[in-house]
Structure formats: structure tokens, C-alpha cells
């Protein structure tokens, strides 16, 4: 007669969960393909990413090439976004400004994810007095608007893309910490976690094999959502003059440079602003769609 032990039952349940996840993933992919707005948002985000690292695929102009005789030209076939006061192609400068903002966004999200996940995991997993102390610190940070907190930090660190990225990353840490803590607390009480503990699994094994893999869903959704928040914050700080120094073509700097010509040359600020706004809206739509699927 074959004896079935508790660890065997835990492993069997683990295999069942893996099979269930694969079925859920296939079902989710089918649902996403059937959403035209989601696909358009994904394609636009991919276009921005590709154009950031290979802008020559979409323009033949140089970002710093000046043509005074073509200054302040309206958008047209030759210059898709028109030209600025120095005759530089605005579409080209928007594309060449993408790497600065995207790299800053990735750095900010990395800082927020590493710090926020660490705080959330420690707080939710260990609980007790440590949880109370960490969450009170997070509550204080949440009480300060993210952009105001980032502005305070970048004022202390100095100007430039790197200080702006660090400041924005610190500003969105509290949201990651809160979300991660809530998910860890939820998953920690599920039956299969208790079964793993009853089977003799250590807390470290439970954390790495059961709690973390099942807590990433809402955190991944938050990452996509906060990417849009980070882009807006970085562009806002650049607009205020804290970003890369001229003639760097950062998105916020481009919008700021055209604000004095809104009456005569509206495209200088409006078109770069629309480029950024559509990107943020696309990220928000992707995040919302993913959130609906994870419910």
C-alpha cells in the first residue's frame, strides 16, 4: 500500500496550481487580443520604446541641426511636428528626447520597486512592531504629494536627469510598499501556505516559493501605472528647469521652450505635450486592463 505524505500532497497541489495558471494565462491572452484599444495602446508604447533607441528609423534629421531659414515652420509633410525657433525639426527632437525620459523612468521604477518591495515584504511577512514602524514611515510619505516630495528631493540633490530620476523613484516608493504589504498579508493566510508550513517547509522556502510568486500580480499592474506617473513627474520637473541642461531634447524641456510662443507657434508645446499625454494614457489603459484581468 502506497503512503501519501503531506509534502507529496503539497507538491501535487503545486502542480495543479501551475496547470491552472497556464490555463488562466491562455484565457487572459485571448481576452487581450480581442481588445482593440489595448492593442493600440501596446503598439504605441512599443513604438515609443523602439523610437527611443533607434530614432533614425523614423527621422532623417539631426536633433541639433539648425536651419535658421526654416525657423518656426508649421507642421507639414517635411517637418511632421514643425520646427522650433532655431529651425530644428521638432519631431526629431521629441524622438531623440525619448531615451532621457525613458531611462529616467526605468531608473525611478527600479528604485521604487526594490525599496517598496523590500519594505512591503518585510512589513507584511514579519508583522508586529516592525510592521507598525515601517507603515507609519510610509504613511508620512503618503501624506506628502509625490511631485512635491520629488521636488524637495531634487532641490537637495541638484539638477540633471539622474537626480530627477532618483527623486521621482523615492516619491513613488510608498505606493509599492503598501501594495506589496497588502498582497503578502493576503497570500500568507491562504490554505496552501498553511499546508506548506504543516509539511515542514521553512518560512524562507514559503516566502520564496509560495508568497512572492503569488503576490506579483497587483505589483506588476502598479508598475505599469506608476510608469505613467513617473513620466509625468519627470517631464514636470524638466519643465520647471530641473532636468537635463540645454540643448538636450528632454520632453519637459521641449514643452517649456515653446510656452512663450503659444499664440504664434502653438505646435512647439502642444505636439510634444500630446506625444507625452498619449503615452501616459496608453500606459494607464494597459494597467487598467491588466487590473481587470487579475481580479
C-alpha atoms as a PDB file:
ATOM      1  CA  UNK A   1       0.000   0.000   0.000  1.00  0.00           C
ATOM      2  CA  UNK A   2       1.447   3.400  -1.029  1.00  0.00           C
ATOM      3  CA  UNK A   3       1.704   6.002   1.717  1.00  0.00           C
ATOM      4  CA  UNK A   4       0.972   9.599   0.718  1.00  0.00           C
ATOM      5  CA  UNK A   5       2.797  12.150   2.856  1.00  0.00           C
ATOM      6  CA  UNK A   6       1.952  15.810   3.431  1.00  0.00           C
ATOM      7  CA  UNK A   7       4.866  17.027   1.261  1.00  0.00           C
ATOM      8  CA  UNK A   8       3.569  14.868  -1.589  1.00  0.00           C
ATOM      9  CA  UNK A   9       0.151  16.484  -1.269  1.00  0.00           C
ATOM     10  CA  UNK A  10       1.738  19.948  -1.236  1.00  0.00           C
ATOM     11  CA  UNK A  11       3.740  19.167  -4.410  1.00  0.00           C
ATOM     12  CA  UNK A  12       0.615  17.781  -6.090  1.00  0.00           C
ATOM     13  CA  UNK A  13      -1.275  20.936  -5.254  1.00  0.00           C
ATOM     14  CA  UNK A  14       1.644  22.986  -6.572  1.00  0.00           C
ATOM     15  CA  UNK A  15       1.468  21.156  -9.924  1.00  0.00           C
ATOM     16  CA  UNK A  16      -2.285  21.750 -10.030  1.00  0.00           C
ATOM     17  CA  UNK A  17      -1.740  25.464  -9.448  1.00  0.00           C
ATOM     18  CA  UNK A  18       0.869  25.600 -12.241  1.00  0.00           C
ATOM     19  CA  UNK A  19      -1.571  23.946 -14.663  1.00  0.00           C
ATOM     20  CA  UNK A  20      -4.320  26.316 -13.568  1.00  0.00           C
ATOM     21  CA  UNK A  21      -2.043  29.331 -14.096  1.00  0.00           C
ATOM     22  CA  UNK A  22      -1.209  28.221 -17.626  1.00  0.00           C
ATOM     23  CA  UNK A  23      -4.897  27.902 -18.466  1.00  0.00           C
ATOM     24  CA  UNK A  24      -5.584  31.320 -16.942  1.00  0.00           C
ATOM     25  CA  UNK A  25      -2.691  32.811 -18.934  1.00  0.00           C
ATOM     26  CA  UNK A  26      -4.029  31.437 -22.216  1.00  0.00           C
ATOM     27  CA  UNK A  27      -7.507  32.730 -21.413  1.00  0.00           C
ATOM     28  CA  UNK A  28      -6.098  36.152 -20.495  1.00  0.00           C
ATOM     29  CA  UNK A  29      -4.127  36.385 -23.755  1.00  0.00           C
ATOM     30  CA  UNK A  30      -7.245  35.559 -25.764  1.00  0.00           C
ATOM     31  CA  UNK A  31      -9.173  38.298 -23.950  1.00  0.00           C
ATOM     32  CA  UNK A  32      -6.397  40.844 -24.536  1.00  0.00           C
ATOM     33  CA  UNK A  33      -6.198  40.121 -28.263  1.00  0.00           C
ATOM     34  CA  UNK A  34      -9.916  40.862 -28.508  1.00  0.00           C
ATOM     35  CA  UNK A  35      -9.464  44.380 -27.076  1.00  0.00           C
ATOM     36  CA  UNK A  36      -8.554  46.803 -29.914  1.00  0.00           C
ATOM     37  CA  UNK A  37      -7.909  49.735 -27.554  1.00  0.00           C
ATOM     38  CA  UNK A  38      -5.482  47.628 -25.530  1.00  0.00           C
ATOM     39  CA  UNK A  39      -3.600  46.556 -28.673  1.00  0.00           C
ATOM     40  CA  UNK A  40      -3.378  50.162 -29.901  1.00  0.00           C
ATOM     41  CA  UNK A  41      -2.009  51.239 -26.513  1.00  0.00           C
ATOM     42  CA  UNK A  42       0.569  48.436 -26.530  1.00  0.00           C
ATOM     43  CA  UNK A  43       1.679  49.256 -30.095  1.00  0.00           C
ATOM     44  CA  UNK A  44       2.070  52.945 -29.231  1.00  0.00           C
ATOM     45  CA  UNK A  45       4.176  52.160 -26.164  1.00  0.00           C
ATOM     46  CA  UNK A  46       6.316  49.782 -28.243  1.00  0.00           C
ATOM     47  CA  UNK A  47       6.702  52.481 -30.906  1.00  0.00           C
ATOM     48  CA  UNK A  48       7.934  54.980 -28.302  1.00  0.00           C
ATOM     49  CA  UNK A  49      10.410  52.452 -26.903  1.00  0.00           C
ATOM     50  CA  UNK A  50      11.744  51.459 -30.334  1.00  0.00           C
ATOM     51  CA  UNK A  51      11.990  55.072 -31.494  1.00  0.00           C
ATOM     52  CA  UNK A  52      13.860  55.960 -28.311  1.00  0.00           C
ATOM     53  CA  UNK A  53      16.670  53.500 -29.023  1.00  0.00           C
ATOM     54  CA  UNK A  54      16.560  53.677 -32.850  1.00  0.00           C
ATOM     55  CA  UNK A  55      15.294  57.167 -33.759  1.00  0.00           C
ATOM     56  CA  UNK A  56      16.994  57.064 -37.172  1.00  0.00           C
ATOM     57  CA  UNK A  57      14.319  54.582 -38.269  1.00  0.00           C
ATOM     58  CA  UNK A  58      11.691  57.335 -38.058  1.00  0.00           C
ATOM     59  CA  UNK A  59      13.571  60.511 -38.973  1.00  0.00           C
ATOM     60  CA  UNK A  60      16.463  61.596 -41.152  1.00  0.00           C
ATOM     61  CA  UNK A  61      17.068  64.927 -39.403  1.00  0.00           C
ATOM     62  CA  UNK A  62      19.550  65.539 -36.613  1.00  0.00           C
ATOM     63  CA  UNK A  63      18.306  66.719 -33.199  1.00  0.00           C
ATOM     64  CA  UNK A  64      20.786  69.596 -33.066  1.00  0.00           C
ATOM     65  CA  UNK A  65      20.864  70.565 -36.754  1.00  0.00           C
ATOM     66  CA  UNK A  66      19.822  74.207 -37.046  1.00  0.00           C
ATOM     67  CA  UNK A  67      18.320  75.812 -40.165  1.00  0.00           C
ATOM     68  CA  UNK A  68      17.503  79.482 -39.398  1.00  0.00           C
ATOM     69  CA  UNK A  69      15.744  79.910 -42.730  1.00  0.00           C
ATOM     70  CA  UNK A  70      13.227  77.216 -41.686  1.00  0.00           C
ATOM     71  CA  UNK A  71      12.559  78.578 -38.185  1.00  0.00           C
ATOM     72  CA  UNK A  72       9.023  78.377 -36.753  1.00  0.00           C
ATOM     73  CA  UNK A  73       7.571  76.395 -39.640  1.00  0.00           C
ATOM     74  CA  UNK A  74       4.172  74.840 -39.054  1.00  0.00           C
ATOM     75  CA  UNK A  75       3.712  71.042 -39.095  1.00  0.00           C
ATOM     76  CA  UNK A  76       3.741  69.551 -42.571  1.00  0.00           C
ATOM     77  CA  UNK A  77       4.994  66.681 -44.694  1.00  0.00           C
ATOM     78  CA  UNK A  78       8.634  67.767 -44.419  1.00  0.00           C
ATOM     79  CA  UNK A  79       8.526  68.530 -40.687  1.00  0.00           C
ATOM     80  CA  UNK A  80       5.875  66.401 -39.005  1.00  0.00           C
ATOM     81  CA  UNK A  81       5.830  68.458 -35.788  1.00  0.00           C
ATOM     82  CA  UNK A  82       7.086  71.677 -37.376  1.00  0.00           C
ATOM     83  CA  UNK A  83      10.319  73.443 -36.435  1.00  0.00           C
ATOM     84  CA  UNK A  84      11.433  75.456 -33.406  1.00  0.00           C
ATOM     85  CA  UNK A  85      12.931  78.952 -33.177  1.00  0.00           C
ATOM     86  CA  UNK A  86      16.313  77.679 -34.441  1.00  0.00           C
ATOM     87  CA  UNK A  87      14.867  75.713 -37.349  1.00  0.00           C
ATOM     88  CA  UNK A  88      15.405  72.345 -35.674  1.00  0.00           C
ATOM     89  CA  UNK A  89      12.968  69.562 -36.567  1.00  0.00           C
ATOM     90  CA  UNK A  90      10.654  69.194 -33.569  1.00  0.00           C
ATOM     91  CA  UNK A  91       9.604  65.590 -34.361  1.00  0.00           C
ATOM     92  CA  UNK A  92      13.269  64.585 -34.360  1.00  0.00           C
ATOM     93  CA  UNK A  93      13.927  66.322 -31.063  1.00  0.00           C
ATOM     94  CA  UNK A  94      10.919  64.576 -29.494  1.00  0.00           C
ATOM     95  CA  UNK A  95      12.231  61.183 -30.630  1.00  0.00           C
ATOM     96  CA  UNK A  96      15.793  61.905 -29.515  1.00  0.00           C
ATOM     97  CA  UNK A  97      14.459  63.158 -26.186  1.00  0.00           C
ATOM     98  CA  UNK A  98      12.745  59.835 -25.525  1.00  0.00           C
ATOM     99  CA  UNK A  99      15.855  57.989 -24.214  1.00  0.00           C
ATOM    100  CA  UNK A 100      16.457  60.574 -21.496  1.00  0.00           C
ATOM    101  CA  UNK A 101      12.903  60.339 -20.147  1.00  0.00           C
ATOM    102  CA  UNK A 102      12.579  56.560 -20.600  1.00  0.00           C
ATOM    103  CA  UNK A 103      15.916  55.818 -18.913  1.00  0.00           C
ATOM    104  CA  UNK A 104      14.979  58.142 -16.058  1.00  0.00           C
ATOM    105  CA  UNK A 105      11.590  56.401 -15.776  1.00  0.00           C
ATOM    106  CA  UNK A 106      13.195  52.937 -15.692  1.00  0.00           C
ATOM    107  CA  UNK A 107      15.652  54.066 -13.019  1.00  0.00           C
ATOM    108  CA  UNK A 108      12.843  55.606 -10.951  1.00  0.00           C
ATOM    109  CA  UNK A 109      10.740  52.432 -11.215  1.00  0.00           C
ATOM    110  CA  UNK A 110      13.731  50.268 -10.281  1.00  0.00           C
ATOM    111  CA  UNK A 111      14.377  52.349  -7.175  1.00  0.00           C
ATOM    112  CA  UNK A 112      10.699  52.307  -6.239  1.00  0.00           C
ATOM    113  CA  UNK A 113      10.303  48.575  -6.896  1.00  0.00           C
ATOM    114  CA  UNK A 114      13.407  47.475  -4.984  1.00  0.00           C
ATOM    115  CA  UNK A 115      12.797  49.739  -1.990  1.00  0.00           C
ATOM    116  CA  UNK A 116       8.997  49.367  -1.992  1.00  0.00           C
ATOM    117  CA  UNK A 117       9.045  45.579  -2.405  1.00  0.00           C
ATOM    118  CA  UNK A 118      11.636  45.221   0.351  1.00  0.00           C
ATOM    119  CA  UNK A 119       9.649  47.357   2.784  1.00  0.00           C
ATOM    120  CA  UNK A 120       6.343  45.689   1.881  1.00  0.00           C
ATOM    121  CA  UNK A 121       7.697  42.141   2.159  1.00  0.00           C
ATOM    122  CA  UNK A 122       9.432  42.748   5.480  1.00  0.00           C
ATOM    123  CA  UNK A 123       6.423  44.578   6.899  1.00  0.00           C
ATOM    124  CA  UNK A 124       3.793  42.081   5.730  1.00  0.00           C
ATOM    125  CA  UNK A 125       5.788  38.910   6.374  1.00  0.00           C
ATOM    126  CA  UNK A 126       7.187  39.644   9.834  1.00  0.00           C
ATOM    127  CA  UNK A 127       4.425  41.921  11.127  1.00  0.00           C
ATOM    128  CA  UNK A 128       4.388  43.092  14.735  1.00  0.00           C
ATOM    129  CA  UNK A 129       6.245  46.157  15.893  1.00  0.00           C
ATOM    130  CA  UNK A 130       8.440  46.249  12.784  1.00  0.00           C
ATOM    131  CA  UNK A 131       5.326  46.412  10.617  1.00  0.00           C
ATOM    132  CA  UNK A 132       3.905  49.253  12.703  1.00  0.00           C
ATOM    133  CA  UNK A 133       7.115  51.315  12.462  1.00  0.00           C
ATOM    134  CA  UNK A 134       7.584  50.821   8.720  1.00  0.00           C
ATOM    135  CA  UNK A 135       3.959  51.582   7.906  1.00  0.00           C
ATOM    136  CA  UNK A 136       3.994  54.772   9.949  1.00  0.00           C
ATOM    137  CA  UNK A 137       7.002  55.949   7.946  1.00  0.00           C
ATOM    138  CA  UNK A 138       5.162  55.049   4.728  1.00  0.00           C
ATOM    139  CA  UNK A 139       2.057  56.906   5.953  1.00  0.00           C
ATOM    140  CA  UNK A 140       4.126  60.049   6.485  1.00  0.00           C
ATOM    141  CA  UNK A 141       5.493  59.798   2.924  1.00  0.00           C
ATOM    142  CA  UNK A 142       1.994  59.161   1.546  1.00  0.00           C
ATOM    143  CA  UNK A 143       0.765  62.324   3.253  1.00  0.00           C
ATOM    144  CA  UNK A 144       3.146  64.350   1.052  1.00  0.00           C
ATOM    145  CA  UNK A 145       2.139  64.695  -2.635  1.00  0.00           C
ATOM    146  CA  UNK A 146       4.534  62.684  -4.788  1.00  0.00           C
ATOM    147  CA  UNK A 147       5.546  65.576  -7.049  1.00  0.00           C
ATOM    148  CA  UNK A 148       6.121  67.884  -4.063  1.00  0.00           C
ATOM    149  CA  UNK A 149       8.267  65.200  -2.382  1.00  0.00           C
ATOM    150  CA  UNK A 150      10.252  64.698  -5.601  1.00  0.00           C
ATOM    151  CA  UNK A 151      10.680  68.458  -5.970  1.00  0.00           C
ATOM    152  CA  UNK A 152      12.053  68.683  -2.433  1.00  0.00           C
ATOM    153  CA  UNK A 153      14.492  65.832  -3.032  1.00  0.00           C
ATOM    154  CA  UNK A 154      15.733  67.082  -6.411  1.00  0.00           C
ATOM    155  CA  UNK A 155      16.291  70.531  -4.901  1.00  0.00           C
ATOM    156  CA  UNK A 156      18.666  68.922  -2.411  1.00  0.00           C
ATOM    157  CA  UNK A 157      20.371  66.620  -4.925  1.00  0.00           C
ATOM    158  CA  UNK A 158      20.831  69.147  -7.721  1.00  0.00           C
ATOM    159  CA  UNK A 159      19.837  69.474 -11.364  1.00  0.00           C
ATOM    160  CA  UNK A 160      20.090  66.789 -14.047  1.00  0.00           C
ATOM    161  CA  UNK A 161      18.319  63.671 -15.300  1.00  0.00           C
ATOM    162  CA  UNK A 162      19.854  61.356 -12.662  1.00  0.00           C
ATOM    163  CA  UNK A 163      18.789  63.437  -9.615  1.00  0.00           C
ATOM    164  CA  UNK A 164      15.305  63.793 -11.130  1.00  0.00           C
ATOM    165  CA  UNK A 165      15.032  60.008 -11.598  1.00  0.00           C
ATOM    166  CA  UNK A 166      16.161  59.337  -8.021  1.00  0.00           C
ATOM    167  CA  UNK A 167      13.747  61.921  -6.629  1.00  0.00           C
ATOM    168  CA  UNK A 168      10.779  60.550  -8.586  1.00  0.00           C
ATOM    169  CA  UNK A 169      11.692  56.974  -7.611  1.00  0.00           C
ATOM    170  CA  UNK A 170      11.720  57.842  -3.914  1.00  0.00           C
ATOM    171  CA  UNK A 171       8.417  59.652  -4.346  1.00  0.00           C
ATOM    172  CA  UNK A 172       6.589  56.524  -5.579  1.00  0.00           C
ATOM    173  CA  UNK A 173       8.129  54.075  -3.077  1.00  0.00           C
ATOM    174  CA  UNK A 174       5.187  54.316  -0.596  1.00  0.00           C
ATOM    175  CA  UNK A 175       2.667  53.016  -3.154  1.00  0.00           C
ATOM    176  CA  UNK A 176       4.804  49.950  -3.889  1.00  0.00           C
ATOM    177  CA  UNK A 177       5.338  49.300  -0.191  1.00  0.00           C
ATOM    178  CA  UNK A 178       1.612  49.468   0.634  1.00  0.00           C
ATOM    179  CA  UNK A 179       0.560  47.275  -2.295  1.00  0.00           C
ATOM    180  CA  UNK A 180       3.222  44.647  -1.608  1.00  0.00           C
ATOM    181  CA  UNK A 181       2.378  44.500   2.092  1.00  0.00           C
ATOM    182  CA  UNK A 182      -1.330  44.018   1.370  1.00  0.00           C
ATOM    183  CA  UNK A 183      -0.621  41.172  -1.068  1.00  0.00           C
ATOM    184  CA  UNK A 184       1.819  39.448   1.294  1.00  0.00           C
ATOM    185  CA  UNK A 185      -0.719  39.607   4.118  1.00  0.00           C
ATOM    186  CA  UNK A 186      -3.388  38.136   1.827  1.00  0.00           C
ATOM    187  CA  UNK A 187      -1.289  35.311   0.419  1.00  0.00           C
ATOM    188  CA  UNK A 188       0.238  34.429   3.797  1.00  0.00           C
ATOM    189  CA  UNK A 189      -3.162  33.271   5.093  1.00  0.00           C
ATOM    190  CA  UNK A 190      -4.119  31.103   2.106  1.00  0.00           C
ATOM    191  CA  UNK A 191      -4.589  27.339   2.662  1.00  0.00           C
ATOM    192  CA  UNK A 192      -1.679  26.153   0.519  1.00  0.00           C
ATOM    193  CA  UNK A 193       0.740  28.312   2.525  1.00  0.00           C
ATOM    194  CA  UNK A 194      -0.526  26.746   5.740  1.00  0.00           C
ATOM    195  CA  UNK A 195      -0.235  23.302   4.101  1.00  0.00           C
ATOM    196  CA  UNK A 196       3.370  24.016   3.143  1.00  0.00           C
ATOM    197  CA  UNK A 197       4.167  25.021   6.713  1.00  0.00           C
ATOM    198  CA  UNK A 198       2.416  21.900   8.021  1.00  0.00           C
ATOM    199  CA  UNK A 199       4.585  19.840   5.643  1.00  0.00           C
ATOM    200  CA  UNK A 200       7.726  21.152   7.290  1.00  0.00           C
ATOM    201  CA  UNK A 201       8.700  23.895   4.815  1.00  0.00           C
ATOM    202  CA  UNK A 202      10.739  26.700   6.343  1.00  0.00           C
ATOM    203  CA  UNK A 203       9.459  30.276   6.297  1.00  0.00           C
ATOM    204  CA  UNK A 204      12.202  31.172   3.804  1.00  0.00           C
ATOM    205  CA  UNK A 205      11.007  28.444   1.412  1.00  0.00           C
ATOM    206  CA  UNK A 206       7.386  29.505   1.879  1.00  0.00           C
ATOM    207  CA  UNK A 207       8.308  33.119   1.161  1.00  0.00           C
ATOM    208  CA  UNK A 208      10.337  32.383  -1.980  1.00  0.00           C
ATOM    209  CA  UNK A 209       8.203  29.592  -3.446  1.00  0.00           C
ATOM    210  CA  UNK A 210       4.649  30.472  -2.455  1.00  0.00           C
ATOM    211  CA  UNK A 211       4.203  34.037  -1.200  1.00  0.00           C
ATOM    212  CA  UNK A 212       6.356  36.047  -3.628  1.00  0.00           C
ATOM    213  CA  UNK A 213       5.253  34.284  -6.863  1.00  0.00           C
ATOM    214  CA  UNK A 214       1.601  34.791  -5.912  1.00  0.00           C
ATOM    215  CA  UNK A 215       1.992  38.441  -4.879  1.00  0.00           C
ATOM    216  CA  UNK A 216       3.474  39.886  -8.062  1.00  0.00           C
ATOM    217  CA  UNK A 217       0.202  40.434  -9.993  1.00  0.00           C
ATOM    218  CA  UNK A 218      -1.034  43.696  -8.404  1.00  0.00           C
ATOM    219  CA  UNK A 219       2.568  44.874  -8.078  1.00  0.00           C
ATOM    220  CA  UNK A 220       3.106  44.396 -11.837  1.00  0.00           C
ATOM    221  CA  UNK A 221      -0.084  46.349 -12.560  1.00  0.00           C
ATOM    222  CA  UNK A 222       1.100  49.121 -10.243  1.00  0.00           C
ATOM    223  CA  UNK A 223       4.454  49.189 -12.037  1.00  0.00           C
ATOM    224  CA  UNK A 224       2.771  49.881 -15.383  1.00  0.00           C
ATOM    225  CA  UNK A 225       0.521  52.516 -13.804  1.00  0.00           C
ATOM    226  CA  UNK A 226       3.397  54.209 -11.989  1.00  0.00           C
ATOM    227  CA  UNK A 227       5.404  54.280 -15.226  1.00  0.00           C
ATOM    228  CA  UNK A 228       2.927  56.891 -16.451  1.00  0.00           C
ATOM    229  CA  UNK A 229       3.099  58.715 -13.131  1.00  0.00           C
ATOM    230  CA  UNK A 230       6.910  58.727 -13.292  1.00  0.00           C
ATOM    231  CA  UNK A 231       6.916  60.046 -16.875  1.00  0.00           C
ATOM    232  CA  UNK A 232       4.612  62.910 -15.898  1.00  0.00           C
ATOM    233  CA  UNK A 233       6.688  63.723 -12.803  1.00  0.00           C
ATOM    234  CA  UNK A 234       9.974  63.656 -14.744  1.00  0.00           C
ATOM    235  CA  UNK A 235       8.518  65.810 -17.520  1.00  0.00           C
ATOM    236  CA  UNK A 236       7.110  68.216 -14.925  1.00  0.00           C
ATOM    237  CA  UNK A 237      10.458  68.603 -13.165  1.00  0.00           C
ATOM    238  CA  UNK A 238      12.174  69.099 -16.529  1.00  0.00           C
ATOM    239  CA  UNK A 239       9.533  71.692 -17.418  1.00  0.00           C
ATOM    240  CA  UNK A 240      10.443  73.545 -14.212  1.00  0.00           C
ATOM    241  CA  UNK A 241      14.120  73.504 -15.177  1.00  0.00           C
ATOM    242  CA  UNK A 242      15.445  70.674 -13.004  1.00  0.00           C
ATOM    243  CA  UNK A 243      16.130  68.254 -15.861  1.00  0.00           C
ATOM    244  CA  UNK A 244      18.923  67.966 -18.404  1.00  0.00           C
ATOM    245  CA  UNK A 245      20.615  71.194 -19.437  1.00  0.00           C
ATOM    246  CA  UNK A 246      20.004  72.667 -22.921  1.00  0.00           C
ATOM    247  CA  UNK A 247      20.322  71.789 -25.739  1.00  0.00           C
ATOM    248  CA  UNK A 248      19.264  68.319 -24.524  1.00  0.00           C
ATOM    249  CA  UNK A 249      15.900  67.416 -26.031  1.00  0.00           C
ATOM    250  CA  UNK A 250      14.026  66.234 -22.944  1.00  0.00           C
ATOM    251  CA  UNK A 251      10.223  66.110 -23.213  1.00  0.00           C
ATOM    252  CA  UNK A 252       9.534  68.512 -20.379  1.00  0.00           C
ATOM    253  CA  UNK A 253      12.208  70.896 -21.651  1.00  0.00           C
ATOM    254  CA  UNK A 254      10.696  70.880 -25.152  1.00  0.00           C
ATOM    255  CA  UNK A 255       7.266  71.776 -23.764  1.00  0.00           C
ATOM    256  CA  UNK A 256       8.803  74.521 -21.633  1.00  0.00           C
ATOM    257  CA  UNK A 257      10.755  76.009 -24.557  1.00  0.00           C
ATOM    258  CA  UNK A 258       7.583  76.549 -26.582  1.00  0.00           C
ATOM    259  CA  UNK A 259       5.393  78.085 -23.902  1.00  0.00           C
ATOM    260  CA  UNK A 260       6.419  81.640 -24.880  1.00  0.00           C
ATOM    261  CA  UNK A 261       5.200  81.096 -28.440  1.00  0.00           C
ATOM    262  CA  UNK A 262       1.775  79.546 -27.828  1.00  0.00           C
ATOM    263  CA  UNK A 263      -0.068  82.320 -29.670  1.00  0.00           C
ATOM    264  CA  UNK A 264       2.082  82.360 -32.807  1.00  0.00           C
ATOM    265  CA  UNK A 265       3.545  78.812 -32.827  1.00  0.00           C
ATOM    266  CA  UNK A 266       1.188  76.582 -30.868  1.00  0.00           C
ATOM    267  CA  UNK A 267       2.820  73.357 -32.078  1.00  0.00           C
ATOM    268  CA  UNK A 268       6.043  73.956 -30.134  1.00  0.00           C
ATOM    269  CA  UNK A 269       4.413  72.960 -26.835  1.00  0.00           C
ATOM    270  CA  UNK A 270       1.171  71.290 -27.902  1.00  0.00           C
ATOM    271  CA  UNK A 271       2.568  68.478 -30.074  1.00  0.00           C
ATOM    272  CA  UNK A 272       5.303  67.305 -27.662  1.00  0.00           C
ATOM    273  CA  UNK A 273       2.703  67.539 -24.896  1.00  0.00           C
ATOM    274  CA  UNK A 274       0.262  65.376 -26.870  1.00  0.00           C
ATOM    275  CA  UNK A 275       3.044  62.869 -27.557  1.00  0.00           C
ATOM    276  CA  UNK A 276       3.642  62.512 -23.808  1.00  0.00           C
ATOM    277  CA  UNK A 277      -0.073  62.575 -22.924  1.00  0.00           C
ATOM    278  CA  UNK A 278      -0.921  59.747 -25.336  1.00  0.00           C
ATOM    279  CA  UNK A 279       1.933  57.667 -23.902  1.00  0.00           C
ATOM    280  CA  UNK A 280       0.706  58.168 -20.336  1.00  0.00           C
ATOM    281  CA  UNK A 281      -2.904  57.414 -21.331  1.00  0.00           C
ATOM    282  CA  UNK A 282      -1.725  54.252 -23.103  1.00  0.00           C
ATOM    283  CA  UNK A 283       0.137  53.076 -20.006  1.00  0.00           C
ATOM    284  CA  UNK A 284      -2.893  53.816 -17.837  1.00  0.00           C
ATOM    285  CA  UNK A 285      -5.169  51.856 -20.190  1.00  0.00           C
ATOM    286  CA  UNK A 286      -2.775  48.887 -20.178  1.00  0.00           C
ATOM    287  CA  UNK A 287      -2.650  48.997 -16.385  1.00  0.00           C
ATOM    288  CA  UNK A 288      -6.441  49.194 -16.092  1.00  0.00           C
ATOM    289  CA  UNK A 289      -6.911  46.266 -18.493  1.00  0.00           C
ATOM    290  CA  UNK A 290      -4.384  44.118 -16.643  1.00  0.00           C
ATOM    291  CA  UNK A 291      -6.041  45.002 -13.348  1.00  0.00           C
ATOM    292  CA  UNK A 292      -9.409  43.812 -14.666  1.00  0.00           C
ATOM    293  CA  UNK A 293      -7.852  40.510 -15.687  1.00  0.00           C
ATOM    294  CA  UNK A 294      -6.227  39.917 -12.285  1.00  0.00           C
ATOM    295  CA  UNK A 295      -9.454  40.372 -10.344  1.00  0.00           C
END
